[in-house]
PDB file of N, CA and C in Angstrom:
ATOM      1  N   MET A   1     106.134 115.890 107.869  1.00  0.00           N
ATOM      2  CA  MET A   1     105.152 115.805 106.812  1.00  0.00           C
ATOM      3  C   MET A   1     103.778 115.628 107.427  1.00  0.00           C
ATOM      4  N   LYS A   2     102.809 116.251 106.793  1.00  0.00           N
ATOM      5  CA  LYS A   2     101.484 116.247 107.365  1.00  0.00           C
ATOM      6  C   LYS A   2     100.521 115.267 106.697  1.00  0.00           C
ATOM      7  N   SER A   3     100.815 114.850 105.478  1.00  0.00           N
ATOM      8  CA  SER A   3      99.881 113.956 104.811  1.00  0.00           C
ATOM      9  C   SER A   3     100.597 113.084 103.786  1.00  0.00           C
ATOM     10  N   PHE A   4      99.873 112.062 103.349  1.00  0.00           N
ATOM     11  CA  PHE A   4     100.417 111.178 102.327  1.00  0.00           C
ATOM     12  C   PHE A   4     100.630 111.943 101.023  1.00  0.00           C
ATOM     13  N   ASN A   5      99.782 112.912 100.745  1.00  0.00           N
ATOM     14  CA  ASN A   5      99.945 113.723  99.533  1.00  0.00           C
ATOM     15  C   ASN A   5     101.277 114.464  99.540  1.00  0.00           C
ATOM     16  N   GLU A   6     101.724 114.892 100.711  1.00  0.00           N
ATOM     17  CA  GLU A   6     103.032 115.549 100.801  1.00  0.00           C
ATOM     18  C   GLU A   6     104.151 114.561 100.490  1.00  0.00           C
ATOM     19  N   VAL A   7     103.993 113.332 100.939  1.00  0.00           N
ATOM     20  CA  VAL A   7     104.980 112.290 100.634  1.00  0.00           C
ATOM     21  C   VAL A   7     105.037 112.080  99.122  1.00  0.00           C
ATOM     22  N   ILE A   8     103.887 111.991  98.495  1.00  0.00           N
ATOM     23  CA  ILE A   8     103.833 111.804  97.043  1.00  0.00           C
ATOM     24  C   ILE A   8     104.539 112.952  96.335  1.00  0.00           C
ATOM     25  N   GLU A   9     104.266 114.163  96.734  1.00  0.00           N
ATOM     26  CA  GLU A   9     104.890 115.325  96.106  1.00  0.00           C
ATOM     27  C   GLU A   9     106.411 115.304  96.261  1.00  0.00           C
ATOM     28  N   LYS A  10     106.896 114.924  97.426  1.00  0.00           N
ATOM     29  CA  LYS A  10     108.347 114.889  97.652  1.00  0.00           C
ATOM     30  C   LYS A  10     109.031 113.807  96.831  1.00  0.00           C
ATOM     31  N   THR A  11     108.334 112.705  96.569  1.00  0.00           N
ATOM     32  CA  THR A  11     108.959 111.612  95.815  1.00  0.00           C
ATOM     33  C   THR A  11     108.974 111.860  94.319  1.00  0.00           C
ATOM     34  N   LYS A  12     108.206 112.812  93.830  1.00  0.00           N
ATOM     35  CA  LYS A  12     108.131 113.063  92.392  1.00  0.00           C
ATOM     36  C   LYS A  12     109.454 113.543  91.795  1.00  0.00           C
ATOM     37  N   LYS A  13     110.364 114.017  92.641  1.00  0.00           N
ATOM     38  CA  LYS A  13     111.654 114.467  92.113  1.00  0.00           C
ATOM     39  C   LYS A  13     112.613 113.304  91.841  1.00  0.00           C
ATOM     40  N   TYR A  14     112.241 112.099  92.245  1.00  0.00           N
ATOM     41  CA  TYR A  14     113.069 110.908  92.040  1.00  0.00           C
ATOM     42  C   TYR A  14     112.547 110.101  90.849  1.00  0.00           C
ATOM     43  N   PRO A  15     113.403 109.290  90.235  1.00  0.00           N
ATOM     44  CA  PRO A  15     112.950 108.450  89.118  1.00  0.00           C
ATOM     45  C   PRO A  15     111.886 107.446  89.581  1.00  0.00           C
ATOM     46  N   ILE A  16     110.983 107.112  88.668  1.00  0.00           N
ATOM     47  CA  ILE A  16     109.945 106.127  88.973  1.00  0.00           C
ATOM     48  C   ILE A  16     110.602 104.757  89.117  1.00  0.00           C
ATOM     49  N   LYS A  17     110.250 104.042  90.160  1.00  0.00           N
ATOM     50  CA  LYS A  17     110.780 102.702  90.418  1.00  0.00           C
ATOM     51  C   LYS A  17     109.809 101.648  89.900  1.00  0.00           C
ATOM     52  N   THR A  18     110.329 100.460  89.649  1.00  0.00           N
ATOM     53  CA  THR A  18     109.503  99.312  89.300  1.00  0.00           C
ATOM     54  C   THR A  18     109.521  98.352  90.474  1.00  0.00           C
ATOM     55  N   VAL A  19     108.328  97.931  90.891  1.00  0.00           N
ATOM     56  CA  VAL A  19     108.220  97.019  92.024  1.00  0.00           C
ATOM     57  C   VAL A  19     107.607  95.701  91.574  1.00  0.00           C
ATOM     58  N   ALA A  20     108.018  94.626  92.205  1.00  0.00           N
ATOM     59  CA  ALA A  20     107.450  93.305  91.950  1.00  0.00           C
ATOM     60  C   ALA A  20     106.322  93.082  92.951  1.00  0.00           C
ATOM     61  N   VAL A  21     105.165  92.684  92.428  1.00  0.00           N
ATOM     62  CA  VAL A  21     103.997  92.442  93.278  1.00  0.00           C
ATOM     63  C   VAL A  21     103.648  90.966  93.173  1.00  0.00           C
ATOM     64  N   VAL A  22     103.850  90.241  94.278  1.00  0.00           N
ATOM     65  CA  VAL A  22     103.639  88.799  94.315  1.00  0.00           C
ATOM     66  C   VAL A  22     102.179  88.498  94.656  1.00  0.00           C
ATOM     67  N   GLU A  23     101.618  87.494  93.975  1.00  0.00           N
ATOM     68  CA  GLU A  23     100.213  87.104  94.153  1.00  0.00           C
ATOM     69  C   GLU A  23      99.308  88.318  94.050  1.00  0.00           C
ATOM     70  N   ALA A  24      99.354  88.930  92.893  1.00  0.00           N
ATOM     71  CA  ALA A  24      98.720  90.224  92.654  1.00  0.00           C
ATOM     72  C   ALA A  24      97.234  90.142  92.317  1.00  0.00           C
ATOM     73  N   GLY A  25      96.577  89.047  92.607  1.00  0.00           N
ATOM     74  CA  GLY A  25      95.156  88.910  92.319  1.00  0.00           C
ATOM     75  C   GLY A  25      94.250  89.493  93.383  1.00  0.00           C
ATOM     76  N   ASP A  26      94.799  90.249  94.293  1.00  0.00           N
ATOM     77  CA  ASP A  26      94.022  90.843  95.393  1.00  0.00           C
ATOM     78  C   ASP A  26      93.635  92.281  95.033  1.00  0.00           C
ATOM     79  N   GLU A  27      92.351  92.605  95.162  1.00  0.00           N
ATOM     80  CA  GLU A  27      91.872  93.941  94.795  1.00  0.00           C
ATOM     81  C   GLU A  27      92.554  95.052  95.588  1.00  0.00           C
ATOM     82  N   THR A  28      92.744  94.836  96.883  1.00  0.00           N
ATOM     83  CA  THR A  28      93.362  95.869  97.713  1.00  0.00           C
ATOM     84  C   THR A  28      94.778  96.165  97.238  1.00  0.00           C
ATOM     85  N   VAL A  29      95.502  95.124  96.901  1.00  0.00           N
ATOM     86  CA  VAL A  29      96.870  95.292  96.388  1.00  0.00           C
ATOM     87  C   VAL A  29      96.838  96.046  95.070  1.00  0.00           C
ATOM     88  N   LEU A  30      95.910  95.678  94.199  1.00  0.00           N
ATOM     89  CA  LEU A  30      95.846  96.334  92.893  1.00  0.00           C
ATOM     90  C   LEU A  30      95.360  97.777  92.994  1.00  0.00           C
ATOM     91  N   LEU A  31      94.563  98.093  93.996  1.00  0.00           N
ATOM     92  CA  LEU A  31      94.190  99.493  94.216  1.00  0.00           C
ATOM     93  C   LEU A  31      95.431 100.316  94.565  1.00  0.00           C
ATOM     94  N   ALA A  32      96.328  99.732  95.364  1.00  0.00           N
ATOM     95  CA  ALA A  32      97.575 100.416  95.703  1.00  0.00           C
ATOM     96  C   ALA A  32      98.450 100.578  94.462  1.00  0.00           C
ATOM     97  N   VAL A  33      98.510  99.546  93.631  1.00  0.00           N
ATOM     98  CA  VAL A  33      99.263  99.621  92.380  1.00  0.00           C
ATOM     99  C   VAL A  33      98.683 100.717  91.486  1.00  0.00           C
ATOM    100  N   LYS A  34      97.356 100.755  91.398  1.00  0.00           N
ATOM    101  CA  LYS A  34      96.691 101.780  90.584  1.00  0.00           C
ATOM    102  C   LYS A  34      97.041 103.179  91.077  1.00  0.00           C
ATOM    103  N   ARG A  35      97.004 103.371  92.380  1.00  0.00           N
ATOM    104  CA  ARG A  35      97.332 104.687  92.940  1.00  0.00           C
ATOM    105  C   ARG A  35      98.795 105.044  92.656  1.00  0.00           C
ATOM    106  N   ALA A  36      99.675 104.063  92.763  1.00  0.00           N
ATOM    107  CA  ALA A  36     101.093 104.311  92.466  1.00  0.00           C
ATOM    108  C   ALA A  36     101.275 104.734  91.008  1.00  0.00           C
ATOM    109  N   PHE A  37     100.539 104.095  90.083  1.00  0.00           N
ATOM    110  CA  PHE A  37     100.588 104.486  88.669  1.00  0.00           C
ATOM    111  C   PHE A  37     100.060 105.895  88.483  1.00  0.00           C
ATOM    112  N   GLU A  38      98.900 106.155  89.062  1.00  0.00           N
ATOM    113  CA  GLU A  38      98.234 107.439  88.868  1.00  0.00           C
ATOM    114  C   GLU A  38      99.045 108.618  89.401  1.00  0.00           C
ATOM    115  N   THR A  39      99.823 108.366  90.441  1.00  0.00           N
ATOM    116  CA  THR A  39     100.624 109.437  91.042  1.00  0.00           C
ATOM    117  C   THR A  39     102.080 109.402  90.566  1.00  0.00           C
ATOM    118  N   ASN A  40     102.363 108.518  89.612  1.00  0.00           N
ATOM    119  CA  ASN A  40     103.723 108.362  89.070  1.00  0.00           C
ATOM    120  C   ASN A  40     104.759 108.024  90.140  1.00  0.00           C
ATOM    121  N   LEU A  41     104.345 107.255  91.135  1.00  0.00           N
ATOM    122  CA  LEU A  41     105.291 106.791  92.155  1.00  0.00           C
ATOM    123  C   LEU A  41     106.044 105.552  91.709  1.00  0.00           C
ATOM    124  N   ALA A  42     105.335 104.642  91.029  1.00  0.00           N
ATOM    125  CA  ALA A  42     105.960 103.370  90.674  1.00  0.00           C
ATOM    126  C   ALA A  42     105.224 102.694  89.540  1.00  0.00           C
ATOM    127  N   LYS A  43     105.966 101.811  88.872  1.00  0.00           N
ATOM    128  CA  LYS A  43     105.395 100.855  87.926  1.00  0.00           C
ATOM    129  C   LYS A  43     105.458  99.504  88.622  1.00  0.00           C
ATOM    130  N   ALA A  44     104.710  98.544  88.108  1.00  0.00           N
ATOM    131  CA  ALA A  44     104.708  97.234  88.764  1.00  0.00           C
ATOM    132  C   ALA A  44     104.784  96.103  87.754  1.00  0.00           C
ATOM    133  N   ILE A  45     105.396  95.026  88.198  1.00  0.00           N
ATOM    134  CA  ILE A  45     105.321  93.752  87.496  1.00  0.00           C
ATOM    135  C   ILE A  45     104.486  92.861  88.410  1.00  0.00           C
ATOM    136  N   LEU A  46     103.392  92.339  87.879  1.00  0.00           N
ATOM    137  CA  LEU A  46     102.456  91.563  88.680  1.00  0.00           C
ATOM    138  C   LEU A  46     102.696  90.073  88.478  1.00  0.00           C
ATOM    139  N   PHE A  47     102.793  89.340  89.567  1.00  0.00           N
ATOM    140  CA  PHE A  47     103.022  87.895  89.540  1.00  0.00           C
ATOM    141  C   PHE A  47     101.838  87.180  90.160  1.00  0.00           C
ATOM    142  N   GLY A  48     101.396  86.098  89.517  1.00  0.00           N
ATOM    143  CA  GLY A  48     100.301  85.310  90.063  1.00  0.00           C
ATOM    144  C   GLY A  48      99.449  84.713  88.965  1.00  0.00           C
ATOM    145  N   ASN A  49      98.230  84.352  89.316  1.00  0.00           N
ATOM    146  CA  ASN A  49      97.291  83.781  88.373  1.00  0.00           C
ATOM    147  C   ASN A  49      96.737  84.905  87.497  1.00  0.00           C
ATOM    148  N   LYS A  50      97.004  84.828  86.188  1.00  0.00           N
ATOM    149  CA  LYS A  50      96.610  85.915  85.272  1.00  0.00           C
ATOM    150  C   LYS A  50      95.104  86.157  85.281  1.00  0.00           C
ATOM    151  N   ASP A  51      94.321  85.092  85.343  1.00  0.00           N
ATOM    152  CA  ASP A  51      92.869  85.263  85.353  1.00  0.00           C
ATOM    153  C   ASP A  51      92.415  86.012  86.599  1.00  0.00           C
ATOM    154  N   GLU A  52      92.953  85.643  87.764  1.00  0.00           N
ATOM    155  CA  GLU A  52      92.605  86.323  89.013  1.00  0.00           C
ATOM    156  C   GLU A  52      93.037  87.787  88.976  1.00  0.00           C
ATOM    157  N   ILE A  53      94.217  88.026  88.456  1.00  0.00           N
ATOM    158  CA  ILE A  53      94.720  89.399  88.354  1.00  0.00           C
ATOM    159  C   ILE A  53      93.826  90.219  87.430  1.00  0.00           C
ATOM    160  N   THR A  54      93.447  89.643  86.304  1.00  0.00           N
ATOM    161  CA  THR A  54      92.596  90.355  85.346  1.00  0.00           C
ATOM    162  C   THR A  54      91.246  90.710  85.961  1.00  0.00           C
ATOM    163  N   VAL A  55      90.616  89.761  86.644  1.00  0.00           N
ATOM    164  CA  VAL A  55      89.309  90.010  87.274  1.00  0.00           C
ATOM    165  C   VAL A  55      89.431  91.089  88.345  1.00  0.00           C
ATOM    166  N   ALA A  56      90.437  90.971  89.206  1.00  0.00           N
ATOM    167  CA  ALA A  56      90.623  91.956  90.280  1.00  0.00           C
ATOM    168  C   ALA A  56      90.931  93.338  89.702  1.00  0.00           C
ATOM    169  N   ALA A  57      91.719  93.386  88.640  1.00  0.00           N
ATOM    170  CA  ALA A  57      92.058  94.667  88.005  1.00  0.00           C
ATOM    171  C   ALA A  57      90.806  95.325  87.426  1.00  0.00           C
ATOM    172  N   GLN A  58      89.959  94.530  86.802  1.00  0.00           N
ATOM    173  CA  GLN A  58      88.719  95.077  86.248  1.00  0.00           C
ATOM    174  C   GLN A  58      87.835  95.637  87.356  1.00  0.00           C
ATOM    175  N   LYS A  59      87.746  94.936  88.481  1.00  0.00           N
ATOM    176  CA  LYS A  59      86.913  95.379  89.602  1.00  0.00           C
ATOM    177  C   LYS A  59      87.378  96.711  90.178  1.00  0.00           C
ATOM    178  N   CYS A  60      88.692  96.926  90.191  1.00  0.00           N
ATOM    179  CA  CYS A  60      89.192  98.168  90.788  1.00  0.00           C
ATOM    180  C   CYS A  60      89.553  99.225  89.743  1.00  0.00           C
ATOM    181  N   GLY A  61      89.310  98.928  88.479  1.00  0.00           N
ATOM    182  CA  GLY A  61      89.533  99.917  87.433  1.00  0.00           C
ATOM    183  C   GLY A  61      90.980 100.103  87.021  1.00  0.00           C
ATOM    184  N   LEU A  62      91.792  99.089  87.227  1.00  0.00           N
ATOM    185  CA  LEU A  62      93.195  99.153  86.827  1.00  0.00           C
ATOM    186  C   LEU A  62      93.337  98.634  85.403  1.00  0.00           C
ATOM    187  N   ASN A  63      93.837  99.461  84.508  1.00  0.00           N
ATOM    188  CA  ASN A  63      94.067  99.085  83.123  1.00  0.00           C
ATOM    189  C   ASN A  63      95.390  98.327  83.041  1.00  0.00           C
ATOM    190  N   LEU A  64      95.336  97.103  82.547  1.00  0.00           N
ATOM    191  CA  LEU A  64      96.539  96.263  82.477  1.00  0.00           C
ATOM    192  C   LEU A  64      97.273  96.362  81.136  1.00  0.00           C
ATOM    193  N   ASP A  65      96.836  97.254  80.257  1.00  0.00           N
ATOM    194  CA  ASP A  65      97.454  97.342  78.928  1.00  0.00           C
ATOM    195  C   ASP A  65      98.960  97.603  78.978  1.00  0.00           C
ATOM    196  N   ASN A  66      99.408  98.400  79.914  1.00  0.00           N
ATOM    197  CA  ASN A  66     100.834  98.743  79.999  1.00  0.00           C
ATOM    198  C   ASN A  66     101.503  98.145  81.229  1.00  0.00           C
ATOM    199  N   VAL A  67     100.953  97.030  81.692  1.00  0.00           N
ATOM    200  CA  VAL A  67     101.473  96.371  82.894  1.00  0.00           C
ATOM    201  C   VAL A  67     101.973  94.981  82.510  1.00  0.00           C
ATOM    202  N   ILE A  68     103.124  94.616  83.032  1.00  0.00           N
ATOM    203  CA  ILE A  68     103.640  93.262  82.819  1.00  0.00           C
ATOM    204  C   ILE A  68     102.978  92.343  83.840  1.00  0.00           C
ATOM    205  N   VAL A  69     102.333  91.278  83.333  1.00  0.00           N
ATOM    206  CA  VAL A  69     101.710  90.276  84.195  1.00  0.00           C
ATOM    207  C   VAL A  69     102.383  88.949  83.895  1.00  0.00           C
ATOM    208  N   LYS A  70     102.951  88.342  84.928  1.00  0.00           N
ATOM    209  CA  LYS A  70     103.647  87.062  84.755  1.00  0.00           C
ATOM    210  C   LYS A  70     102.863  85.966  85.469  1.00  0.00           C
ATOM    211  N   GLU A  71     102.463  84.979  84.699  1.00  0.00           N
ATOM    212  CA  GLU A  71     101.707  83.840  85.230  1.00  0.00           C
ATOM    213  C   GLU A  71     102.623  82.965  86.079  1.00  0.00           C
ATOM    214  N   THR A  72     102.177  82.647  87.290  1.00  0.00           N
ATOM    215  CA  THR A  72     102.902  81.714  88.151  1.00  0.00           C
ATOM    216  C   THR A  72     101.897  80.733  88.736  1.00  0.00           C
ATOM    217  N   LYS A  73     102.392  79.572  89.139  1.00  0.00           N
ATOM    218  CA  LYS A  73     101.479  78.524  89.584  1.00  0.00           C
ATOM    219  C   LYS A  73     101.095  78.622  91.053  1.00  0.00           C
ATOM    220  N   ASP A  74     101.933  79.291  91.873  1.00  0.00           N
ATOM    221  CA  ASP A  74     101.617  79.409  93.296  1.00  0.00           C
ATOM    222  C   ASP A  74     102.441  80.535  93.912  1.00  0.00           C
ATOM    223  N   GLU A  75     102.220  80.774  95.213  1.00  0.00           N
ATOM    224  CA  GLU A  75     102.908  81.876  95.899  1.00  0.00           C
ATOM    225  C   GLU A  75     104.423  81.705  95.889  1.00  0.00           C
ATOM    226  N   ILE A  76     104.886  80.489  96.054  1.00  0.00           N
ATOM    227  CA  ILE A  76     106.344  80.250  96.080  1.00  0.00           C
ATOM    228  C   ILE A  76     106.953  80.561  94.724  1.00  0.00           C
ATOM    229  N   SER A  77     106.297  80.115  93.665  1.00  0.00           N
ATOM    230  CA  SER A  77     106.793  80.436  92.314  1.00  0.00           C
ATOM    231  C   SER A  77     106.782  81.930  92.068  1.00  0.00           C
ATOM    232  N   SER A  78     105.746  82.612  92.552  1.00  0.00           N
ATOM    233  CA  SER A  78     105.671  84.071  92.401  1.00  0.00           C
ATOM    234  C   SER A  78     106.852  84.732  93.086  1.00  0.00           C
ATOM    235  N   ALA A  79     107.126  84.322  94.314  1.00  0.00           N
ATOM    236  CA  ALA A  79     108.224  84.924  95.077  1.00  0.00           C
ATOM    237  C   ALA A  79     109.571  84.629  94.406  1.00  0.00           C
ATOM    238  N   GLU A  80     109.748  83.420  93.917  1.00  0.00           N
ATOM    239  CA  GLU A  80     111.008  83.067  93.268  1.00  0.00           C
ATOM    240  C   GLU A  80     111.217  83.879  91.993  1.00  0.00           C
ATOM    241  N   GLU A  81     110.176  84.029  91.186  1.00  0.00           N
ATOM    242  CA  GLU A  81     110.307  84.793  89.940  1.00  0.00           C
ATOM    243  C   GLU A  81     110.501  86.268  90.192  1.00  0.00           C
ATOM    244  N   ALA A  82     109.879  86.766  91.257  1.00  0.00           N
ATOM    245  CA  ALA A  82     109.945  88.206  91.549  1.00  0.00           C
ATOM    246  C   ALA A  82     111.299  88.622  92.109  1.00  0.00           C
ATOM    247  N   SER A  83     112.032  87.675  92.659  1.00  0.00           N
ATOM    248  CA  SER A  83     113.286  88.041  93.319  1.00  0.00           C
ATOM    249  C   SER A  83     114.439  88.218  92.384  1.00  0.00           C
TER     250      SER A  83
END
């Protein structure tokens, strides 16, 4: 394979997966989630502080209307709920 776009094209023949994203208040992480949505690679369930996730999502242009966001109190709780 020569590029990431080729990887995306090859994966489109498979069903969309749902991934758990722990401590999802990071913009870089949410940019990856946004790209996964836009290319129909994956859906996500976001775990962490809802306010932080909302602010980071707004900054990177990720619409949370169709995303499950689960409030957790810390990283350990996020990991436990996501597993």
